[in-house]
PDB file of N, CA and C in Angstrom:
ATOM      1  N   MET A   1      28.072  -0.034  15.532  1.00  0.00           N
ATOM      2  CA  MET A   1      27.835  -1.403  15.952  1.00  0.00           C
ATOM      3  C   MET A   1      28.418  -1.567  17.359  1.00  0.00           C
ATOM      4  N   SER A   2      27.685  -2.244  18.200  1.00  0.00           N
ATOM      5  CA  SER A   2      28.134  -2.399  19.575  1.00  0.00           C
ATOM      6  C   SER A   2      29.261  -3.428  19.674  1.00  0.00           C
ATOM      7  N   ARG A   3      29.982  -3.371  20.763  1.00  0.00           N
ATOM      8  CA  ARG A   3      31.108  -4.282  20.988  1.00  0.00           C
ATOM      9  C   ARG A   3      30.629  -5.734  21.056  1.00  0.00           C
ATOM     10  N   SER A   4      29.508  -5.974  21.728  1.00  0.00           N
ATOM     11  CA  SER A   4      28.997  -7.340  21.850  1.00  0.00           C
ATOM     12  C   SER A   4      28.570  -7.886  20.486  1.00  0.00           C
ATOM     13  N   ARG A   5      28.015  -7.035  19.622  1.00  0.00           N
ATOM     14  CA  ARG A   5      27.618  -7.464  18.282  1.00  0.00           C
ATOM     15  C   ARG A   5      28.848  -7.831  17.450  1.00  0.00           C
ATOM     16  N   VAL A   6      29.944  -7.088  17.611  1.00  0.00           N
ATOM     17  CA  VAL A   6      31.191  -7.399  16.897  1.00  0.00           C
ATOM     18  C   VAL A   6      31.699  -8.769  17.328  1.00  0.00           C
ATOM     19  N   PHE A   7      31.696  -9.056  18.633  1.00  0.00           N
ATOM     20  CA  PHE A   7      32.135 -10.369  19.110  1.00  0.00           C
ATOM     21  C   PHE A   7      31.236 -11.486  18.581  1.00  0.00           C
ATOM     22  N   GLU A   8      29.942 -11.202  18.506  1.00  0.00           N
ATOM     23  CA  GLU A   8      28.993 -12.198  17.992  1.00  0.00           C
ATOM     24  C   GLU A   8      29.300 -12.533  16.529  1.00  0.00           C
ATOM     25  N   TRP A   9      29.505 -11.496  15.703  1.00  0.00           N
ATOM     26  CA  TRP A   9      29.814 -11.738  14.291  1.00  0.00           C
ATOM     27  C   TRP A   9      31.181 -12.410  14.137  1.00  0.00           C
ATOM     28  N   PHE A  10      32.140 -12.027  14.952  1.00  0.00           N
ATOM     29  CA  PHE A  10      33.456 -12.668  14.900  1.00  0.00           C
ATOM     30  C   PHE A  10      33.327 -14.171  15.150  1.00  0.00           C
ATOM     31  N   ALA A  11      32.530 -14.520  16.151  1.00  0.00           N
ATOM     32  CA  ALA A  11      32.331 -15.944  16.464  1.00  0.00           C
ATOM     33  C   ALA A  11      31.649 -16.671  15.308  1.00  0.00           C
ATOM     34  N   ARG A  12      30.707 -16.027  14.660  1.00  0.00           N
ATOM     35  CA  ARG A  12      30.026 -16.655  13.519  1.00  0.00           C
ATOM     36  C   ARG A  12      31.002 -16.940  12.380  1.00  0.00           C
ATOM     37  N   PHE A  13      31.866 -15.969  12.069  1.00  0.00           N
ATOM     38  CA  PHE A  13      32.837 -16.174  10.988  1.00  0.00           C
ATOM     39  C   PHE A  13      33.911 -17.184  11.382  1.00  0.00           C
ATOM     40  N   ARG A  14      34.278 -17.191  12.641  1.00  0.00           N
ATOM     41  CA  ARG A  14      35.250 -18.165  13.119  1.00  0.00           C
ATOM     42  C   ARG A  14      34.705 -19.592  12.993  1.00  0.00           C
ATOM     43  N   ASP A  15      33.374 -19.737  13.173  1.00  0.00           N
ATOM     44  CA  ASP A  15      32.742 -21.054  13.096  1.00  0.00           C
ATOM     45  C   ASP A  15      32.437 -21.480  11.664  1.00  0.00           C
ATOM     46  N   GLY A  16      32.815 -20.674  10.665  1.00  0.00           N
ATOM     47  CA  GLY A  16      32.667 -21.103   9.280  1.00  0.00           C
ATOM     48  C   GLY A  16      31.700 -20.308   8.427  1.00  0.00           C
ATOM     49  N   ARG A  17      31.064 -19.358   8.977  1.00  0.00           N
ATOM     50  CA  ARG A  17      30.141 -18.547   8.170  1.00  0.00           C
ATOM     51  C   ARG A  17      30.932 -17.714   7.180  1.00  0.00           C
ATOM     52  N   GLU A  18      30.431 -17.637   5.928  1.00  0.00           N
ATOM     53  CA  GLU A  18      31.161 -16.912   4.897  1.00  0.00           C
ATOM     54  C   GLU A  18      30.411 -15.703   4.350  1.00  0.00           C
ATOM     55  N   ALA A  19      29.106 -15.626   4.561  1.00  0.00           N
ATOM     56  CA  ALA A  19      28.310 -14.533   3.998  1.00  0.00           C
ATOM     57  C   ALA A  19      27.759 -13.642   5.109  1.00  0.00           C
ATOM     58  N   THR A  20      27.499 -12.393   4.745  1.00  0.00           N
ATOM     59  CA  THR A  20      26.925 -11.459   5.714  1.00  0.00           C
ATOM     60  C   THR A  20      25.413 -11.320   5.549  1.00  0.00           C
ATOM     61  N   ASP A  21      24.832 -12.000   4.561  1.00  0.00           N
ATOM     62  CA  ASP A  21      23.386 -11.937   4.337  1.00  0.00           C
ATOM     63  C   ASP A  21      22.644 -12.615   5.479  1.00  0.00           C
ATOM     64  N   ASP A  22      21.416 -12.148   5.713  1.00  0.00           N
ATOM     65  CA  ASP A  22      20.579 -12.768   6.735  1.00  0.00           C
ATOM     66  C   ASP A  22      20.186 -14.174   6.303  1.00  0.00           C
ATOM     67  N   GLU A  23      20.067 -15.055   7.263  1.00  0.00           N
ATOM     68  CA  GLU A  23      19.626 -16.407   6.975  1.00  0.00           C
ATOM     69  C   GLU A  23      18.106 -16.419   6.864  1.00  0.00           C
ATOM     70  N   GLU A  24      17.564 -17.357   6.091  1.00  0.00           N
ATOM     71  CA  GLU A  24      16.122 -17.490   5.949  1.00  0.00           C
ATOM     72  C   GLU A  24      15.502 -17.857   7.287  1.00  0.00           C
ATOM     73  N   ARG A  25      14.353 -17.253   7.572  1.00  0.00           N
ATOM     74  CA  ARG A  25      13.640 -17.553   8.803  1.00  0.00           C
ATOM     75  C   ARG A  25      12.224 -17.978   8.460  1.00  0.00           C
ATOM     76  N   CYS A  26      11.693 -18.862   9.264  1.00  0.00           N
ATOM     77  CA  CYS A  26      10.313 -19.279   9.047  1.00  0.00           C
ATOM     78  C   CYS A  26       9.399 -18.319   9.795  1.00  0.00           C
ATOM     79  N   GLY A  27       8.132 -18.396   9.498  1.00  0.00           N
ATOM     80  CA  GLY A  27       7.184 -17.567  10.211  1.00  0.00           C
ATOM     81  C   GLY A  27       6.524 -16.547   9.331  1.00  0.00           C
ATOM     82  N   ARG A  28       5.992 -15.557   9.949  1.00  0.00           N
ATOM     83  CA  ARG A  28       5.220 -14.532   9.285  1.00  0.00           C
ATOM     84  C   ARG A  28       6.111 -13.650   8.413  1.00  0.00           C
ATOM     85  N   PRO A  29       5.640 -13.263   7.213  1.00  0.00           N
ATOM     86  CA  PRO A  29       6.451 -12.374   6.374  1.00  0.00           C
ATOM     87  C   PRO A  29       6.576 -10.994   6.999  1.00  0.00           C
ATOM     88  N   ARG A  30       7.633 -10.286   6.637  1.00  0.00           N
ATOM     89  CA  ARG A  30       7.887  -8.975   7.224  1.00  0.00           C
ATOM     90  C   ARG A  30       6.891  -7.923   6.773  1.00  0.00           C
ATOM     91  N   SER A  31       6.356  -8.085   5.592  1.00  0.00           N
ATOM     92  CA  SER A  31       5.517  -7.028   5.052  1.00  0.00           C
ATOM     93  C   SER A  31       4.228  -7.586   4.467  1.00  0.00           C
ATOM     94  N   SER A  32       3.194  -6.790   4.565  1.00  0.00           N
ATOM     95  CA  SER A  32       1.922  -7.154   3.946  1.00  0.00           C
ATOM     96  C   SER A  32       1.784  -6.510   2.578  1.00  0.00           C
ATOM     97  N   ARG A  33       2.817  -5.824   2.119  1.00  0.00           N
ATOM     98  CA  ARG A  33       2.765  -5.118   0.845  1.00  0.00           C
ATOM     99  C   ARG A  33       3.151  -6.031  -0.316  1.00  0.00           C
ATOM    100  N   THR A  34       2.405  -7.108  -0.487  1.00  0.00           N
ATOM    101  CA  THR A  34       2.631  -8.000  -1.619  1.00  0.00           C
ATOM    102  C   THR A  34       1.754  -7.547  -2.779  1.00  0.00           C
ATOM    103  N   ASP A  35       2.079  -8.008  -3.983  1.00  0.00           N
ATOM    104  CA  ASP A  35       1.276  -7.646  -5.151  1.00  0.00           C
ATOM    105  C   ASP A  35      -0.172  -8.090  -4.980  1.00  0.00           C
ATOM    106  N   GLU A  36      -0.359  -9.247  -4.369  1.00  0.00           N
ATOM    107  CA  GLU A  36      -1.715  -9.763  -4.143  1.00  0.00           C
ATOM    108  C   GLU A  36      -2.509  -8.828  -3.231  1.00  0.00           C
ATOM    109  N   ASN A  37      -1.888  -8.373  -2.140  1.00  0.00           N
ATOM    110  CA  ASN A  37      -2.585  -7.482  -1.208  1.00  0.00           C
ATOM    111  C   ASN A  37      -2.854  -6.113  -1.822  1.00  0.00           C
ATOM    112  N   VAL A  38      -1.934  -5.631  -2.659  1.00  0.00           N
ATOM    113  CA  VAL A  38      -2.155  -4.358  -3.340  1.00  0.00           C
ATOM    114  C   VAL A  38      -3.381  -4.476  -4.239  1.00  0.00           C
ATOM    115  N   GLU A  39      -3.498  -5.585  -4.962  1.00  0.00           N
ATOM    116  CA  GLU A  39      -4.661  -5.809  -5.824  1.00  0.00           C
ATOM    117  C   GLU A  39      -5.953  -5.897  -5.017  1.00  0.00           C
ATOM    118  N   ARG A  40      -5.885  -6.568  -3.873  1.00  0.00           N
ATOM    119  CA  ARG A  40      -7.073  -6.709  -3.027  1.00  0.00           C
ATOM    120  C   ARG A  40      -7.531  -5.354  -2.499  1.00  0.00           C
ATOM    121  N   VAL A  41      -6.584  -4.514  -2.062  1.00  0.00           N
ATOM    122  CA  VAL A  41      -6.930  -3.176  -1.568  1.00  0.00           C
ATOM    123  C   VAL A  41      -7.509  -2.349  -2.709  1.00  0.00           C
ATOM    124  N   GLN A  42      -6.887  -2.421  -3.871  1.00  0.00           N
ATOM    125  CA  GLN A  42      -7.357  -1.654  -5.014  1.00  0.00           C
ATOM    126  C   GLN A  42      -8.773  -2.075  -5.414  1.00  0.00           C
ATOM    127  N   ALA A  43      -9.058  -3.362  -5.372  1.00  0.00           N
ATOM    128  CA  ALA A  43     -10.400  -3.848  -5.708  1.00  0.00           C
ATOM    129  C   ALA A  43     -11.438  -3.317  -4.713  1.00  0.00           C
ATOM    130  N   LEU A  44     -11.097  -3.300  -3.431  1.00  0.00           N
ATOM    131  CA  LEU A  44     -12.036  -2.774  -2.432  1.00  0.00           C
ATOM    132  C   LEU A  44     -12.286  -1.281  -2.624  1.00  0.00           C
ATOM    133  N   VAL A  45     -11.239  -0.540  -2.936  1.00  0.00           N
ATOM    134  CA  VAL A  45     -11.382   0.902  -3.135  1.00  0.00           C
ATOM    135  C   VAL A  45     -12.237   1.173  -4.369  1.00  0.00           C
ATOM    136  N   ARG A  46     -12.047   0.372  -5.418  1.00  0.00           N
ATOM    137  CA  ARG A  46     -12.864   0.549  -6.629  1.00  0.00           C
ATOM    138  C   ARG A  46     -14.331   0.231  -6.364  1.00  0.00           C
ATOM    139  N   SER A  47     -14.580  -0.775  -5.531  1.00  0.00           N
ATOM    140  CA  SER A  47     -15.965  -1.162  -5.267  1.00  0.00           C
ATOM    141  C   SER A  47     -16.694  -0.124  -4.412  1.00  0.00           C
ATOM    142  N   ASP A  48     -15.984   0.486  -3.472  1.00  0.00           N
ATOM    143  CA  ASP A  48     -16.594   1.522  -2.622  1.00  0.00           C
ATOM    144  C   ASP A  48     -15.502   2.486  -2.190  1.00  0.00           C
ATOM    145  N   ARG A  49     -15.429   3.620  -2.843  1.00  0.00           N
ATOM    146  CA  ARG A  49     -14.344   4.564  -2.563  1.00  0.00           C
ATOM    147  C   ARG A  49     -14.521   5.295  -1.246  1.00  0.00           C
ATOM    148  N   ARG A  50     -15.664   5.108  -0.587  1.00  0.00           N
ATOM    149  CA  ARG A  50     -15.895   5.753   0.701  1.00  0.00           C
ATOM    150  C   ARG A  50     -15.407   4.919   1.878  1.00  0.00           C
ATOM    151  N   MET A  51     -14.824   3.769   1.609  1.00  0.00           N
ATOM    152  CA  MET A  51     -14.324   2.913   2.691  1.00  0.00           C
ATOM    153  C   MET A  51     -13.145   3.588   3.374  1.00  0.00           C
ATOM    154  N   THR A  52     -13.102   3.489   4.682  1.00  0.00           N
ATOM    155  CA  THR A  52     -11.983   4.049   5.428  1.00  0.00           C
ATOM    156  C   THR A  52     -10.844   3.043   5.477  1.00  0.00           C
ATOM    157  N   ILE A  53      -9.678   3.522   5.873  1.00  0.00           N
ATOM    158  CA  ILE A  53      -8.511   2.648   6.015  1.00  0.00           C
ATOM    159  C   ILE A  53      -8.816   1.546   7.025  1.00  0.00           C
ATOM    160  N   GLU A  54      -9.469   1.914   8.099  1.00  0.00           N
ATOM    161  CA  GLU A  54      -9.795   0.933   9.130  1.00  0.00           C
ATOM    162  C   GLU A  54     -10.735  -0.144   8.604  1.00  0.00           C
ATOM    163  N   MET A  55     -11.709   0.257   7.800  1.00  0.00           N
ATOM    164  CA  MET A  55     -12.646  -0.712   7.225  1.00  0.00           C
ATOM    165  C   MET A  55     -11.937  -1.669   6.271  1.00  0.00           C
ATOM    166  N   ILE A  56     -11.043  -1.129   5.444  1.00  0.00           N
ATOM    167  CA  ILE A  56     -10.287  -1.973   4.513  1.00  0.00           C
ATOM    168  C   ILE A  56      -9.399  -2.937   5.290  1.00  0.00           C
ATOM    169  N   ALA A  57      -8.700  -2.415   6.298  1.00  0.00           N
ATOM    170  CA  ALA A  57      -7.797  -3.252   7.090  1.00  0.00           C
ATOM    171  C   ALA A  57      -8.556  -4.377   7.781  1.00  0.00           C
ATOM    172  N   GLU A  58      -9.725  -4.052   8.309  1.00  0.00           N
ATOM    173  CA  GLU A  58     -10.522  -5.066   9.003  1.00  0.00           C
ATOM    174  C   GLU A  58     -11.034  -6.131   8.034  1.00  0.00           C
ATOM    175  N   SER A  59     -11.498  -5.710   6.867  1.00  0.00           N
ATOM    176  CA  SER A  59     -12.060  -6.685   5.920  1.00  0.00           C
ATOM    177  C   SER A  59     -10.985  -7.571   5.300  1.00  0.00           C
ATOM    178  N   LEU A  60      -9.750  -7.069   5.176  1.00  0.00           N
ATOM    179  CA  LEU A  60      -8.662  -7.860   4.597  1.00  0.00           C
ATOM    180  C   LEU A  60      -7.778  -8.516   5.651  1.00  0.00           C
ATOM    181  N   ASN A  61      -8.082  -8.267   6.924  1.00  0.00           N
ATOM    182  CA  ASN A  61      -7.291  -8.802   8.032  1.00  0.00           C
ATOM    183  C   ASN A  61      -5.827  -8.369   7.919  1.00  0.00           C
ATOM    184  N   MET A  62      -5.637  -7.064   7.719  1.00  0.00           N
ATOM    185  CA  MET A  62      -4.302  -6.475   7.608  1.00  0.00           C
ATOM    186  C   MET A  62      -4.195  -5.353   8.638  1.00  0.00           C
ATOM    187  N   SER A  63      -2.978  -4.884   8.850  1.00  0.00           N
ATOM    188  CA  SER A  63      -2.795  -3.766   9.767  1.00  0.00           C
ATOM    189  C   SER A  63      -3.176  -2.455   9.076  1.00  0.00           C
ATOM    190  N   VAL A  64      -3.578  -1.482   9.863  1.00  0.00           N
ATOM    191  CA  VAL A  64      -3.956  -0.176   9.340  1.00  0.00           C
ATOM    192  C   VAL A  64      -2.744   0.482   8.674  1.00  0.00           C
ATOM    193  N   GLY A  65      -1.572   0.324   9.260  1.00  0.00           N
ATOM    194  CA  GLY A  65      -0.355   0.906   8.696  1.00  0.00           C
ATOM    195  C   GLY A  65      -0.023   0.337   7.329  1.00  0.00           C
ATOM    196  N   SER A  66      -0.209  -0.970   7.154  1.00  0.00           N
ATOM    197  CA  SER A  66       0.066  -1.594   5.859  1.00  0.00           C
ATOM    198  C   SER A  66      -0.903  -1.097   4.798  1.00  0.00           C
ATOM    199  N   VAL A  67      -2.165  -0.991   5.156  1.00  0.00           N
ATOM    200  CA  VAL A  67      -3.162  -0.501   4.198  1.00  0.00           C
ATOM    201  C   VAL A  67      -2.858   0.948   3.840  1.00  0.00           C
ATOM    202  N   PHE A  68      -2.492   1.766   4.825  1.00  0.00           N
ATOM    203  CA  PHE A  68      -2.164   3.168   4.557  1.00  0.00           C
ATOM    204  C   PHE A  68      -0.967   3.269   3.610  1.00  0.00           C
ATOM    205  N   THR A  69       0.058   2.452   3.830  1.00  0.00           N
ATOM    206  CA  THR A  69       1.236   2.466   2.967  1.00  0.00           C
ATOM    207  C   THR A  69       0.885   2.031   1.555  1.00  0.00           C
ATOM    208  N   ILE A  70       0.050   1.015   1.423  1.00  0.00           N
ATOM    209  CA  ILE A  70      -0.379   0.561   0.094  1.00  0.00           C
ATOM    210  C   ILE A  70      -1.138   1.676  -0.617  1.00  0.00           C
ATOM    211  N   MET A  71      -2.017   2.346   0.111  1.00  0.00           N
ATOM    212  CA  MET A  71      -2.805   3.420  -0.494  1.00  0.00           C
ATOM    213  C   MET A  71      -1.917   4.573  -0.960  1.00  0.00           C
ATOM    214  N   THR A  72      -0.973   4.990  -0.132  1.00  0.00           N
ATOM    215  CA  THR A  72      -0.178   6.177  -0.451  1.00  0.00           C
ATOM    216  C   THR A  72       0.994   5.887  -1.373  1.00  0.00           C
ATOM    217  N   GLU A  73       1.700   4.792  -1.164  1.00  0.00           N
ATOM    218  CA  GLU A  73       2.913   4.537  -1.933  1.00  0.00           C
ATOM    219  C   GLU A  73       2.678   3.664  -3.162  1.00  0.00           C
ATOM    220  N   ASP A  74       1.872   2.621  -3.028  1.00  0.00           N
ATOM    221  CA  ASP A  74       1.668   1.708  -4.144  1.00  0.00           C
ATOM    222  C   ASP A  74       0.569   2.183  -5.092  1.00  0.00           C
ATOM    223  N   LEU A  75      -0.548   2.651  -4.546  1.00  0.00           N
ATOM    224  CA  LEU A  75      -1.667   3.086  -5.377  1.00  0.00           C
ATOM    225  C   LEU A  75      -1.621   4.573  -5.686  1.00  0.00           C
ATOM    226  N   LYS A  76      -0.659   5.291  -5.112  1.00  0.00           N
ATOM    227  CA  LYS A  76      -0.446   6.722  -5.364  1.00  0.00           C
ATOM    228  C   LYS A  76      -1.699   7.547  -5.109  1.00  0.00           C
ATOM    229  N   LYS A  77      -2.328   7.299  -3.975  1.00  0.00           N
ATOM    230  CA  LYS A  77      -3.508   8.071  -3.608  1.00  0.00           C
ATOM    231  C   LYS A  77      -3.160   8.962  -2.429  1.00  0.00           C
ATOM    232  N   LYS A  78      -3.798  10.106  -2.383  1.00  0.00           N
ATOM    233  CA  LYS A  78      -3.573  11.022  -1.275  1.00  0.00           C
ATOM    234  C   LYS A  78      -4.902  11.362  -0.642  1.00  0.00           C
ATOM    235  N   LYS A  79      -4.860  11.954   0.515  1.00  0.00           N
ATOM    236  CA  LYS A  79      -6.080  12.253   1.263  1.00  0.00           C
ATOM    237  C   LYS A  79      -6.130  13.745   1.560  1.00  0.00           C
ATOM    238  N   PRO A  80      -6.633  14.552   0.615  1.00  0.00           N
ATOM    239  CA  PRO A  80      -6.668  15.994   0.856  1.00  0.00           C
ATOM    240  C   PRO A  80      -7.743  16.414   1.841  1.00  0.00           C
ATOM    241  N   CYS A  81      -8.819  15.651   1.947  1.00  0.00           N
ATOM    242  CA  CYS A  81      -9.860  16.007   2.916  1.00  0.00           C
ATOM    243  C   CYS A  81     -10.399  14.736   3.555  1.00  0.00           C
ATOM    244  N   ALA A  82     -11.590  14.318   3.235  1.00  0.00           N
ATOM    245  CA  ALA A  82     -12.212  13.214   3.942  1.00  0.00           C
ATOM    246  C   ALA A  82     -12.025  11.858   3.257  1.00  0.00           C
ATOM    247  N   ARG A  83     -11.541  11.838   2.023  1.00  0.00           N
ATOM    248  CA  ARG A  83     -11.399  10.557   1.344  1.00  0.00           C
ATOM    249  C   ARG A  83     -10.180  10.575   0.432  1.00  0.00           C
ATOM    250  N   PHE A  84      -9.722   9.397   0.067  1.00  0.00           N
ATOM    251  CA  PHE A  84      -8.581   9.274  -0.812  1.00  0.00           C
ATOM    252  C   PHE A  84      -9.000   9.548  -2.249  1.00  0.00           C
ATOM    253  N   VAL A  85      -8.185  10.273  -2.966  1.00  0.00           N
ATOM    254  CA  VAL A  85      -8.426  10.520  -4.388  1.00  0.00           C
ATOM    255  C   VAL A  85      -7.122  10.271  -5.133  1.00  0.00           C
ATOM    256  N   PRO A  86      -7.202   9.846  -6.392  1.00  0.00           N
ATOM    257  CA  PRO A  86      -5.974   9.602  -7.136  1.00  0.00           C
ATOM    258  C   PRO A  86      -5.273  10.909  -7.490  1.00  0.00           C
ATOM    259  N   HIS A  87      -3.961  10.842  -7.694  1.00  0.00           N
ATOM    260  CA  HIS A  87      -3.208  12.019  -8.102  1.00  0.00           C
ATOM    261  C   HIS A  87      -3.665  12.489  -9.476  1.00  0.00           C
ATOM    262  N   THR A  88      -3.913  11.553 -10.383  1.00  0.00           N
ATOM    263  CA  THR A  88      -4.372  11.875 -11.724  1.00  0.00           C
ATOM    264  C   THR A  88      -5.621  11.072 -12.014  1.00  0.00           C
ATOM    265  N   LEU A  89      -6.474  11.612 -12.873  1.00  0.00           N
ATOM    266  CA  LEU A  89      -7.700  10.923 -13.223  1.00  0.00           C
ATOM    267  C   LEU A  89      -7.430   9.833 -14.254  1.00  0.00           C
ATOM    268  N   THR A  90      -8.175   8.751 -14.169  1.00  0.00           N
ATOM    269  CA  THR A  90      -8.085   7.702 -15.178  1.00  0.00           C
ATOM    270  C   THR A  90      -8.883   8.148 -16.396  1.00  0.00           C
ATOM    271  N   THR A  91      -8.725   7.436 -17.499  1.00  0.00           N
ATOM    272  CA  THR A  91      -9.451   7.767 -18.723  1.00  0.00           C
ATOM    273  C   THR A  91     -10.958   7.694 -18.496  1.00  0.00           C
ATOM    274  N   GLU A  92     -11.398   6.689 -17.765  1.00  0.00           N
ATOM    275  CA  GLU A  92     -12.824   6.538 -17.460  1.00  0.00           C
ATOM    276  C   GLU A  92     -13.340   7.729 -16.654  1.00  0.00           C
ATOM    277  N   GLN A  93     -12.555   8.179 -15.690  1.00  0.00           N
ATOM    278  CA  GLN A  93     -12.971   9.318 -14.866  1.00  0.00           C
ATOM    279  C   GLN A  93     -13.014  10.605 -15.697  1.00  0.00           C
ATOM    280  N   LYS A  94     -12.050  10.774 -16.617  1.00  0.00           N
ATOM    281  CA  LYS A  94     -12.056  11.956 -17.481  1.00  0.00           C
ATOM    282  C   LYS A  94     -13.297  11.973 -18.368  1.00  0.00           C
ATOM    283  N   GLU A  95     -13.649  10.812 -18.935  1.00  0.00           N
ATOM    284  CA  GLU A  95     -14.834  10.728 -19.779  1.00  0.00           C
ATOM    285  C   GLU A  95     -16.095  11.043 -18.977  1.00  0.00           C
ATOM    286  N   HIS A  96     -16.150  10.566 -17.743  1.00  0.00           N
ATOM    287  CA  HIS A  96     -17.302  10.844 -16.880  1.00  0.00           C
ATOM    288  C   HIS A  96     -17.405  12.340 -16.587  1.00  0.00           C
ATOM    289  N   GLN A  97     -16.268  12.985 -16.334  1.00  0.00           N
ATOM    290  CA  GLN A  97     -16.257  14.427 -16.073  1.00  0.00           C
ATOM    291  C   GLN A  97     -16.757  15.202 -17.290  1.00  0.00           C
ATOM    292  N   ILE A  98     -16.316  14.792 -18.487  1.00  0.00           N
ATOM    293  CA  ILE A  98     -16.737  15.467 -19.723  1.00  0.00           C
ATOM    294  C   ILE A  98     -18.237  15.303 -19.926  1.00  0.00           C
ATOM    295  N   ALA A  99     -18.734  14.070 -19.729  1.00  0.00           N
ATOM    296  CA  ALA A  99     -20.174  13.820 -19.915  1.00  0.00           C
ATOM    297  C   ALA A  99     -20.992  14.622 -18.919  1.00  0.00           C
ATOM    298  N   SER A 100     -20.548  14.685 -17.685  1.00  0.00           N
ATOM    299  CA  SER A 100     -21.268  15.458 -16.657  1.00  0.00           C
ATOM    300  C   SER A 100     -21.283  16.947 -17.010  1.00  0.00           C
ATOM    301  N   SER A 101     -20.147  17.449 -17.483  1.00  0.00           N
ATOM    302  CA  SER A 101     -20.072  18.871 -17.865  1.00  0.00           C
ATOM    303  C   SER A 101     -20.989  19.174 -19.034  1.00  0.00           C
ATOM    304  N   GLU A 102     -21.016  18.280 -20.037  1.00  0.00           N
ATOM    305  CA  GLU A 102     -21.900  18.485 -21.189  1.00  0.00           C
ATOM    306  C   GLU A 102     -23.359  18.465 -20.768  1.00  0.00           C
ATOM    307  N   ASP A 103     -23.719  17.595 -19.836  1.00  0.00           N
ATOM    308  CA  ASP A 103     -25.082  17.547 -19.332  1.00  0.00           C
ATOM    309  C   ASP A 103     -25.460  18.855 -18.634  1.00  0.00           C
ATOM    310  N   LEU A 104     -24.540  19.382 -17.841  1.00  0.00           N
ATOM    311  CA  LEU A 104     -24.814  20.655 -17.147  1.00  0.00           C
ATOM    312  C   LEU A 104     -24.970  21.811 -18.129  1.00  0.00           C
ATOM    313  N   ILE A 105     -24.145  21.814 -19.173  1.00  0.00           N
ATOM    314  CA  ILE A 105     -24.228  22.886 -20.178  1.00  0.00           C
ATOM    315  C   ILE A 105     -25.548  22.791 -20.938  1.00  0.00           C
ATOM    316  N   ALA A 106     -25.924  21.545 -21.278  1.00  0.00           N
ATOM    317  CA  ALA A 106     -27.182  21.351 -22.008  1.00  0.00           C
ATOM    318  C   ALA A 106     -28.386  21.737 -21.138  1.00  0.00           C
ATOM    319  N   ALA A 107     -28.323  21.465 -19.852  1.00  0.00           N
ATOM    320  CA  ALA A 107     -29.423  21.792 -18.946  1.00  0.00           C
ATOM    321  C   ALA A 107     -29.532  23.312 -18.756  1.00  0.00           C
ATOM    322  N   ALA A 108     -28.410  24.016 -18.855  1.00  0.00           N
ATOM    323  CA  ALA A 108     -28.404  25.475 -18.666  1.00  0.00           C
ATOM    324  C   ALA A 108     -28.979  26.196 -19.873  1.00  0.00           C
ATOM    325  N   ASP A 109     -28.902  25.577 -21.038  1.00  0.00           N
ATOM    326  CA  ASP A 109     -29.405  26.229 -22.270  1.00  0.00           C
ATOM    327  C   ASP A 109     -30.859  26.142 -22.373  1.00  0.00           C
TER     328      ASP A 109
END
């Protein structure tokens, strides 16, 4: 901590401040990673999984960095090549894979 910052905090405590927590500020929230925004991103990805981060960010009026963080940390998706895929398949995706495989086996016979 710098010397000037120490003097600033000393003056605050001398003037009656008792807590070290930040005071509430008005204005824009620090993060776009709210539960509502996570749901909105997830809904867009479900509707069209070929959407790019830039397209999602533009349609939701969010920053590209926030959308990327939501995709990787909140939705647990990774980008091994050209599109995001989930780490694990959902039950619906597993059933689709099984049905597709059975169709291919039946077509081969």
